[in-house]
Amino acid sequence: MAPDWLVVLSWCGLGMGFVSAAWIVVDVFVRRYRQLMPIMEAVWPITGLYFGPVAVWGYRRFGRPMTRRWQTDHDRREAPDKPHWAAVAVGVSHCGAGCTLGDIIAEFVIFAIGATIAGRALFAMFVGDYLAAVALGIVFQYFAIAPMRGLGLGKGLREAAKADVLSLTAFEVGLFGWMALMYYVFFPDPHLEPSSPVFWFLMQIGMVIGFFTAWPANVWLIRSGIKDAM
């Protein structure tokens, strides 16, 4: 049973994530800061779900300038150049958005059907989360790569897989390591379930960890020319 202070902290962390994501959605769709790369209109709010106010800061600093409205308001014909670290961070957030959405869907499905592997729900979570993350990560990457390179469906999906599988695997490694701690160390008996706010607050932390474990992979992928700088 999670202590009361952790439940309160969890609701605060989740609340900040939801408010951050909602703020970005309003800025994009109501204030009309529409992204030149449409898939980023999903990436930024999803990043807000786990990175909270940090994602809002990143969106304001590096997302808004990638809109026609911002460029018109600032009398510019194109967005300002990003520092290298920012290009990597946006690339990681793109990968992380697919992973995060896949993880959320998979966790609820596995909990709903009571799936286990070798008698462990955690192992089913690992498999389900990874498969969903790969599928959605490749889709997210396809909608970034295909328009930029003018690729068809088959070629675009192959290039998206080449650019994103290593990155999303590195993201999931960080998240899965944290989930193992949740399962075996923090709450070994009874285990947390997706019906608990504490579960999702700890998953927020795991996704931030995944963001940083995916960073080196994205640096290498961009430098190698396998993945385009966002």
C-alpha atoms as a PDB file:
ATOM      1  CA  MET A   1       0.000   0.000   0.000  1.00  0.00           C
ATOM      2  CA  ALA A   2       1.468   3.348  -1.015  1.00  0.00           C
ATOM      3  CA  PRO A   3       1.809   5.916   1.790  1.00  0.00           C
ATOM      4  CA  ASP A   4      -0.546   8.890   1.728  1.00  0.00           C
ATOM      5  CA  TRP A   5       2.241  11.384   1.037  1.00  0.00           C
ATOM      6  CA  LEU A   6       3.238   9.470  -2.096  1.00  0.00           C
ATOM      7  CA  VAL A   7      -0.363   9.357  -3.322  1.00  0.00           C
ATOM      8  CA  VAL A   8      -0.636  13.143  -2.900  1.00  0.00           C
ATOM      9  CA  LEU A   9       2.720  13.671  -4.606  1.00  0.00           C
ATOM     10  CA  SER A  10       1.614  11.379  -7.421  1.00  0.00           C
ATOM     11  CA  TRP A  11      -1.567  13.339  -8.057  1.00  0.00           C
ATOM     12  CA  CYS A  12       0.479  16.559  -8.096  1.00  0.00           C
ATOM     13  CA  GLY A  13       2.959  15.097 -10.602  1.00  0.00           C
ATOM     14  CA  LEU A  14       0.206  13.716 -12.816  1.00  0.00           C
ATOM     15  CA  GLY A  15      -1.698  17.001 -12.568  1.00  0.00           C
ATOM     16  CA  MET A  16       1.340  18.955 -13.755  1.00  0.00           C
ATOM     17  CA  GLY A  17       1.706  16.542 -16.660  1.00  0.00           C
ATOM     18  CA  PHE A  18      -1.929  16.897 -17.731  1.00  0.00           C
ATOM     19  CA  VAL A  19      -1.894  20.683 -17.354  1.00  0.00           C
ATOM     20  CA  SER A  20       1.352  20.953 -19.331  1.00  0.00           C
ATOM     21  CA  ALA A  21       0.012  18.768 -22.133  1.00  0.00           C
ATOM     22  CA  ALA A  22      -3.280  20.716 -22.199  1.00  0.00           C
ATOM     23  CA  TRP A  23      -1.440  24.052 -22.333  1.00  0.00           C
ATOM     24  CA  ILE A  24       0.541  22.913 -25.379  1.00  0.00           C
ATOM     25  CA  VAL A  25      -2.607  21.588 -27.089  1.00  0.00           C
ATOM     26  CA  VAL A  26      -4.356  24.937 -26.560  1.00  0.00           C
ATOM     27  CA  ASP A  27      -1.334  26.836 -27.864  1.00  0.00           C
ATOM     28  CA  VAL A  28      -1.166  24.688 -30.992  1.00  0.00           C
ATOM     29  CA  PHE A  29      -4.828  24.340 -31.872  1.00  0.00           C
ATOM     30  CA  VAL A  30      -6.523  27.368 -30.277  1.00  0.00           C
ATOM     31  CA  ARG A  31      -3.792  29.992 -30.500  1.00  0.00           C
ATOM     32  CA  ARG A  32      -2.927  28.490 -33.911  1.00  0.00           C
ATOM     33  CA  TYR A  33       0.799  27.879 -33.496  1.00  0.00           C
ATOM     34  CA  ARG A  34       0.528  25.021 -35.983  1.00  0.00           C
ATOM     35  CA  GLN A  35       3.724  23.026 -36.518  1.00  0.00           C
ATOM     36  CA  LEU A  36       5.315  22.826 -39.953  1.00  0.00           C
ATOM     37  CA  MET A  37       5.840  19.120 -39.228  1.00  0.00           C
ATOM     38  CA  PRO A  38       2.318  17.967 -38.200  1.00  0.00           C
ATOM     39  CA  ILE A  39       3.481  14.932 -36.189  1.00  0.00           C
ATOM     40  CA  MET A  40       5.092  17.348 -33.712  1.00  0.00           C
ATOM     41  CA  GLU A  41       1.605  18.520 -32.791  1.00  0.00           C
ATOM     42  CA  ALA A  42       1.265  15.132 -31.085  1.00  0.00           C
ATOM     43  CA  VAL A  43       4.873  14.848 -29.889  1.00  0.00           C
ATOM     44  CA  TRP A  44       4.931  18.028 -27.808  1.00  0.00           C
ATOM     45  CA  PRO A  45       1.759  17.335 -25.747  1.00  0.00           C
ATOM     46  CA  ILE A  46       2.743  13.698 -25.158  1.00  0.00           C
ATOM     47  CA  THR A  47       6.140  14.869 -23.934  1.00  0.00           C
ATOM     48  CA  GLY A  48       4.287  17.221 -21.604  1.00  0.00           C
ATOM     49  CA  LEU A  49       2.530  14.259 -19.990  1.00  0.00           C
ATOM     50  CA  TYR A  50       5.761  13.009 -18.442  1.00  0.00           C
ATOM     51  CA  PHE A  51       8.138  15.984 -18.553  1.00  0.00           C
ATOM     52  CA  GLY A  52       5.588  18.534 -17.362  1.00  0.00           C
ATOM     53  CA  PRO A  53       6.746  22.174 -17.227  1.00  0.00           C
ATOM     54  CA  VAL A  54      10.114  21.231 -18.745  1.00  0.00           C
ATOM     55  CA  ALA A  55       8.274  20.192 -21.906  1.00  0.00           C
ATOM     56  CA  VAL A  56       6.353  23.485 -21.922  1.00  0.00           C
ATOM     57  CA  TRP A  57       9.649  25.373 -21.706  1.00  0.00           C
ATOM     58  CA  GLY A  58      11.122  23.282 -24.527  1.00  0.00           C
ATOM     59  CA  TYR A  59       8.029  23.790 -26.662  1.00  0.00           C
ATOM     60  CA  ARG A  60       8.068  27.570 -26.164  1.00  0.00           C
ATOM     61  CA  ARG A  61      11.806  27.749 -26.837  1.00  0.00           C
ATOM     62  CA  PHE A  62      12.095  25.319 -29.751  1.00  0.00           C
ATOM     63  CA  GLY A  63       8.585  24.303 -30.831  1.00  0.00           C
ATOM     64  CA  ARG A  64       6.873  27.630 -31.386  1.00  0.00           C
ATOM     65  CA  PRO A  65       9.617  28.916 -33.712  1.00  0.00           C
ATOM     66  CA  MET A  66       8.778  25.997 -36.017  1.00  0.00           C
ATOM     67  CA  THR A  67       5.443  27.616 -36.924  1.00  0.00           C
ATOM     68  CA  ARG A  68       4.448  30.072 -39.622  1.00  0.00           C
ATOM     69  CA  ARG A  69       2.693  32.245 -37.045  1.00  0.00           C
ATOM     70  CA  TRP A  70       5.814  32.656 -34.911  1.00  0.00           C
ATOM     71  CA  GLN A  71       7.952  33.384 -37.954  1.00  0.00           C
ATOM     72  CA  THR A  72       5.468  35.971 -39.220  1.00  0.00           C
ATOM     73  CA  ASP A  73       5.192  37.598 -35.788  1.00  0.00           C
ATOM     74  CA  HIS A  74       8.985  37.845 -35.590  1.00  0.00           C
ATOM     75  CA  ASP A  75       9.441  38.926 -39.226  1.00  0.00           C
ATOM     76  CA  ARG A  76      11.445  35.828 -40.130  1.00  0.00           C
ATOM     77  CA  ARG A  77      11.283  33.556 -43.153  1.00  0.00           C
ATOM     78  CA  GLU A  78      12.469  30.457 -41.302  1.00  0.00           C
ATOM     79  CA  ALA A  79      13.018  29.157 -37.806  1.00  0.00           C
ATOM     80  CA  PRO A  80      16.260  30.033 -36.007  1.00  0.00           C
ATOM     81  CA  ASP A  81      18.909  27.324 -35.860  1.00  0.00           C
ATOM     82  CA  LYS A  82      18.833  25.088 -32.807  1.00  0.00           C
ATOM     83  CA  PRO A  83      21.972  24.299 -30.800  1.00  0.00           C
ATOM     84  CA  HIS A  84      23.063  20.687 -31.248  1.00  0.00           C
ATOM     85  CA  TRP A  85      21.834  19.612 -27.829  1.00  0.00           C
ATOM     86  CA  ALA A  86      18.367  20.993 -28.584  1.00  0.00           C
ATOM     87  CA  ALA A  87      18.185  19.124 -31.904  1.00  0.00           C
ATOM     88  CA  VAL A  88      19.081  15.920 -30.050  1.00  0.00           C
ATOM     89  CA  ALA A  89      16.520  16.650 -27.322  1.00  0.00           C
ATOM     90  CA  VAL A  90      13.738  17.173 -29.864  1.00  0.00           C
ATOM     91  CA  GLY A  91      14.757  13.956 -31.609  1.00  0.00           C
ATOM     92  CA  VAL A  92      14.617  12.059 -28.316  1.00  0.00           C
ATOM     93  CA  SER A  93      11.223  13.578 -27.507  1.00  0.00           C
ATOM     94  CA  HIS A  94       9.954  12.391 -30.894  1.00  0.00           C
ATOM     95  CA  CYS A  95      11.074   8.832 -30.113  1.00  0.00           C
ATOM     96  CA  GLY A  96       9.829   9.155 -26.536  1.00  0.00           C
ATOM     97  CA  ALA A  97       6.354  10.208 -27.646  1.00  0.00           C
ATOM     98  CA  GLY A  98       5.846   6.979 -29.568  1.00  0.00           C
ATOM     99  CA  CYS A  99       7.217   4.958 -26.662  1.00  0.00           C
ATOM    100  CA  THR A 100       5.073   6.790 -24.114  1.00  0.00           C
ATOM    101  CA  LEU A 101       1.857   6.394 -26.064  1.00  0.00           C
ATOM    102  CA  GLY A 102       2.627   2.720 -26.698  1.00  0.00           C
ATOM    103  CA  ASP A 103       3.411   2.130 -23.025  1.00  0.00           C
ATOM    104  CA  ILE A 104       0.177   3.764 -21.864  1.00  0.00           C
ATOM    105  CA  ILE A 105      -1.953   1.696 -24.242  1.00  0.00           C
ATOM    106  CA  ALA A 106      -0.120  -1.551 -23.502  1.00  0.00           C
ATOM    107  CA  GLU A 107      -0.265  -1.131 -19.715  1.00  0.00           C
ATOM    108  CA  PHE A 108      -4.029  -0.682 -19.702  1.00  0.00           C
ATOM    109  CA  VAL A 109      -4.587  -3.597 -22.098  1.00  0.00           C
ATOM    110  CA  ILE A 110      -2.342  -5.963 -20.115  1.00  0.00           C
ATOM    111  CA  PHE A 111      -4.014  -4.946 -16.845  1.00  0.00           C
ATOM    112  CA  ALA A 112      -7.501  -5.347 -18.341  1.00  0.00           C
ATOM    113  CA  ILE A 113      -6.889  -8.859 -19.677  1.00  0.00           C
ATOM    114  CA  GLY A 114      -4.729  -9.987 -16.758  1.00  0.00           C
ATOM    115  CA  ALA A 115      -1.859 -11.104 -19.002  1.00  0.00           C
ATOM    116  CA  THR A 116       1.235 -12.709 -17.464  1.00  0.00           C
ATOM    117  CA  ILE A 117       4.391 -14.416 -18.726  1.00  0.00           C
ATOM    118  CA  ALA A 118       5.960 -17.063 -16.487  1.00  0.00           C
ATOM    119  CA  GLY A 119       3.431 -16.001 -13.888  1.00  0.00           C
ATOM    120  CA  ARG A 120       4.690 -12.419 -13.824  1.00  0.00           C
ATOM    121  CA  ALA A 121       2.672  -9.412 -14.977  1.00  0.00           C
ATOM    122  CA  LEU A 122       5.932  -7.458 -15.261  1.00  0.00           C
ATOM    123  CA  PHE A 123       7.238  -9.702 -18.046  1.00  0.00           C
ATOM    124  CA  ALA A 124       3.982  -9.281 -19.972  1.00  0.00           C
ATOM    125  CA  MET A 125       4.339  -5.517 -19.500  1.00  0.00           C
ATOM    126  CA  PHE A 126       7.861  -5.612 -20.905  1.00  0.00           C
ATOM    127  CA  VAL A 127       6.772  -7.500 -24.029  1.00  0.00           C
ATOM    128  CA  GLY A 128       3.561  -5.539 -24.570  1.00  0.00           C
ATOM    129  CA  ASP A 129       5.189  -2.159 -23.917  1.00  0.00           C
ATOM    130  CA  TYR A 130       8.088  -2.870 -26.251  1.00  0.00           C
ATOM    131  CA  LEU A 131       5.945  -4.127 -29.125  1.00  0.00           C
ATOM    132  CA  ALA A 132       3.563  -1.178 -28.822  1.00  0.00           C
ATOM    133  CA  ALA A 133       6.494   1.245 -28.540  1.00  0.00           C
ATOM    134  CA  VAL A 134       8.145  -0.179 -31.674  1.00  0.00           C
ATOM    135  CA  ALA A 135       4.909   0.023 -33.648  1.00  0.00           C
ATOM    136  CA  LEU A 136       4.001   3.565 -32.630  1.00  0.00           C
ATOM    137  CA  GLY A 137       7.605   4.776 -32.633  1.00  0.00           C
ATOM    138  CA  ILE A 138       8.022   3.706 -36.255  1.00  0.00           C
ATOM    139  CA  VAL A 139       4.718   5.357 -37.172  1.00  0.00           C
ATOM    140  CA  PHE A 140       5.795   8.609 -35.505  1.00  0.00           C
ATOM    141  CA  GLN A 141       9.173   8.459 -37.236  1.00  0.00           C
ATOM    142  CA  TYR A 142       7.557   7.686 -40.589  1.00  0.00           C
ATOM    143  CA  PHE A 143       5.534  10.893 -40.431  1.00  0.00           C
ATOM    144  CA  ALA A 144       8.741  12.804 -39.780  1.00  0.00           C
ATOM    145  CA  ILE A 145      11.037  11.119 -42.304  1.00  0.00           C
ATOM    146  CA  ALA A 146       8.669  10.456 -45.215  1.00  0.00           C
ATOM    147  CA  PRO A 147       7.600  14.100 -45.756  1.00  0.00           C
ATOM    148  CA  MET A 148      11.155  15.414 -45.379  1.00  0.00           C
ATOM    149  CA  ARG A 149      12.648  12.899 -47.803  1.00  0.00           C
ATOM    150  CA  GLY A 150       9.665  12.463 -50.125  1.00  0.00           C
ATOM    151  CA  LEU A 151       9.465   8.709 -49.486  1.00  0.00           C
ATOM    152  CA  GLY A 152       6.662   6.292 -50.286  1.00  0.00           C
ATOM    153  CA  LEU A 153       5.034   4.046 -47.698  1.00  0.00           C
ATOM    154  CA  GLY A 154       7.332   1.010 -47.933  1.00  0.00           C
ATOM    155  CA  LYS A 155      10.600   2.920 -48.171  1.00  0.00           C
ATOM    156  CA  GLY A 156       9.427   5.386 -45.550  1.00  0.00           C
ATOM    157  CA  LEU A 157       8.622   2.649 -43.033  1.00  0.00           C
ATOM    158  CA  ARG A 158      11.980   0.948 -43.612  1.00  0.00           C
ATOM    159  CA  GLU A 159      13.858   4.208 -43.099  1.00  0.00           C
ATOM    160  CA  ALA A 160      11.734   5.005 -40.045  1.00  0.00           C
ATOM    161  CA  ALA A 161      12.568   1.624 -38.518  1.00  0.00           C
ATOM    162  CA  LYS A 162      16.263   2.118 -39.224  1.00  0.00           C
ATOM    163  CA  ALA A 163      16.188   5.557 -37.605  1.00  0.00           C
ATOM    164  CA  ASP A 164      14.101   4.733 -34.568  1.00  0.00           C
ATOM    165  CA  VAL A 165      14.426   1.118 -33.384  1.00  0.00           C
ATOM    166  CA  LEU A 166      17.759   1.692 -31.632  1.00  0.00           C
ATOM    167  CA  SER A 167      16.523   4.935 -30.099  1.00  0.00           C
ATOM    168  CA  LEU A 168      13.252   3.529 -28.780  1.00  0.00           C
ATOM    169  CA  THR A 169      15.036   0.402 -27.516  1.00  0.00           C
ATOM    170  CA  ALA A 170      17.397   2.602 -25.513  1.00  0.00           C
ATOM    171  CA  PHE A 171      14.392   4.537 -24.184  1.00  0.00           C
ATOM    172  CA  GLU A 172      12.661   1.337 -23.102  1.00  0.00           C
ATOM    173  CA  VAL A 173      15.827  -0.019 -21.461  1.00  0.00           C
ATOM    174  CA  GLY A 174      15.838   2.945 -19.078  1.00  0.00           C
ATOM    175  CA  LEU A 175      12.107   2.683 -18.451  1.00  0.00           C
ATOM    176  CA  PHE A 176      12.187  -1.105 -17.947  1.00  0.00           C
ATOM    177  CA  GLY A 177      15.040  -0.867 -15.476  1.00  0.00           C
ATOM    178  CA  TRP A 178      12.992   1.576 -13.430  1.00  0.00           C
ATOM    179  CA  MET A 179       9.878  -0.626 -13.737  1.00  0.00           C
ATOM    180  CA  ALA A 180      11.873  -3.569 -12.375  1.00  0.00           C
ATOM    181  CA  LEU A 181      12.743  -1.461  -9.340  1.00  0.00           C
ATOM    182  CA  MET A 182       9.053  -0.564  -8.951  1.00  0.00           C
ATOM    183  CA  TYR A 183       8.113  -4.242  -9.109  1.00  0.00           C
ATOM    184  CA  TYR A 184      10.845  -5.889  -7.053  1.00  0.00           C
ATOM    185  CA  VAL A 185      12.121  -3.163  -4.692  1.00  0.00           C
ATOM    186  CA  PHE A 186       9.671  -0.294  -4.146  1.00  0.00           C
ATOM    187  CA  PHE A 187       6.389  -2.267  -4.111  1.00  0.00           C
ATOM    188  CA  PRO A 188       7.191  -6.001  -4.151  1.00  0.00           C
ATOM    189  CA  ASP A 189       3.982  -7.130  -2.411  1.00  0.00           C
ATOM    190  CA  PRO A 190       1.391  -6.106  -3.359  1.00  0.00           C
ATOM    191  CA  HIS A 191       2.559  -4.785  -6.718  1.00  0.00           C
ATOM    192  CA  LEU A 192       1.325  -1.472  -8.041  1.00  0.00           C
ATOM    193  CA  GLU A 193      -1.286  -1.623 -10.787  1.00  0.00           C
ATOM    194  CA  PRO A 194      -2.225   0.879 -13.534  1.00  0.00           C
ATOM    195  CA  SER A 195      -5.351   1.757 -11.542  1.00  0.00           C
ATOM    196  CA  SER A 196      -3.109   3.541  -9.003  1.00  0.00           C
ATOM    197  CA  PRO A 197      -1.942   7.153  -9.436  1.00  0.00           C
ATOM    198  CA  VAL A 198       1.360   6.123  -7.835  1.00  0.00           C
ATOM    199  CA  PHE A 199       1.953   3.644 -10.669  1.00  0.00           C
ATOM    200  CA  TRP A 200       1.641   6.385 -13.291  1.00  0.00           C
ATOM    201  CA  PHE A 201       3.656   8.911 -11.301  1.00  0.00           C
ATOM    202  CA  LEU A 202       6.512   6.419 -11.077  1.00  0.00           C
ATOM    203  CA  MET A 203       6.053   5.704 -14.791  1.00  0.00           C
ATOM    204  CA  GLN A 204       6.480   9.441 -15.415  1.00  0.00           C
ATOM    205  CA  ILE A 205       9.841   9.225 -13.662  1.00  0.00           C
ATOM    206  CA  GLY A 206      10.712   6.103 -15.668  1.00  0.00           C
ATOM    207  CA  MET A 207       9.949   7.901 -18.918  1.00  0.00           C
ATOM    208  CA  VAL A 208      12.240  10.776 -17.951  1.00  0.00           C
ATOM    209  CA  ILE A 209      14.947   8.172 -17.246  1.00  0.00           C
ATOM    210  CA  GLY A 210      14.203   6.609 -20.643  1.00  0.00           C
ATOM    211  CA  PHE A 211      14.598  10.020 -22.257  1.00  0.00           C
ATOM    212  CA  PHE A 212      18.178  10.225 -21.002  1.00  0.00           C
ATOM    213  CA  THR A 213      19.105   6.599 -21.750  1.00  0.00           C
ATOM    214  CA  ALA A 214      17.961   7.255 -25.347  1.00  0.00           C
ATOM    215  CA  TRP A 215      20.132  10.389 -25.619  1.00  0.00           C
ATOM    216  CA  PRO A 216      23.460   8.703 -26.579  1.00  0.00           C
ATOM    217  CA  ALA A 217      21.730   6.577 -29.221  1.00  0.00           C
ATOM    218  CA  ASN A 218      20.203   9.685 -30.784  1.00  0.00           C
ATOM    219  CA  VAL A 219      23.537  11.503 -30.783  1.00  0.00           C
ATOM    220  CA  TRP A 220      25.092   8.595 -32.690  1.00  0.00           C
ATOM    221  CA  LEU A 221      22.152   8.207 -35.081  1.00  0.00           C
ATOM    222  CA  ILE A 222      22.195  11.914 -35.987  1.00  0.00           C
ATOM    223  CA  ARG A 223      25.974  12.069 -36.384  1.00  0.00           C
ATOM    224  CA  SER A 224      25.873   8.948 -38.556  1.00  0.00           C
ATOM    225  CA  GLY A 225      23.223  10.469 -40.802  1.00  0.00           C
ATOM    226  CA  ILE A 226      20.819   7.625 -40.084  1.00  0.00           C
ATOM    227  CA  LYS A 227      18.384   9.950 -38.333  1.00  0.00           C
ATOM    228  CA  ASP A 228      17.653  13.504 -39.418  1.00  0.00           C
ATOM    229  CA  ALA A 229      18.175  16.265 -36.858  1.00  0.00           C
ATOM    230  CA  MET A 230      14.734  17.508 -35.884  1.00  0.00           C
END
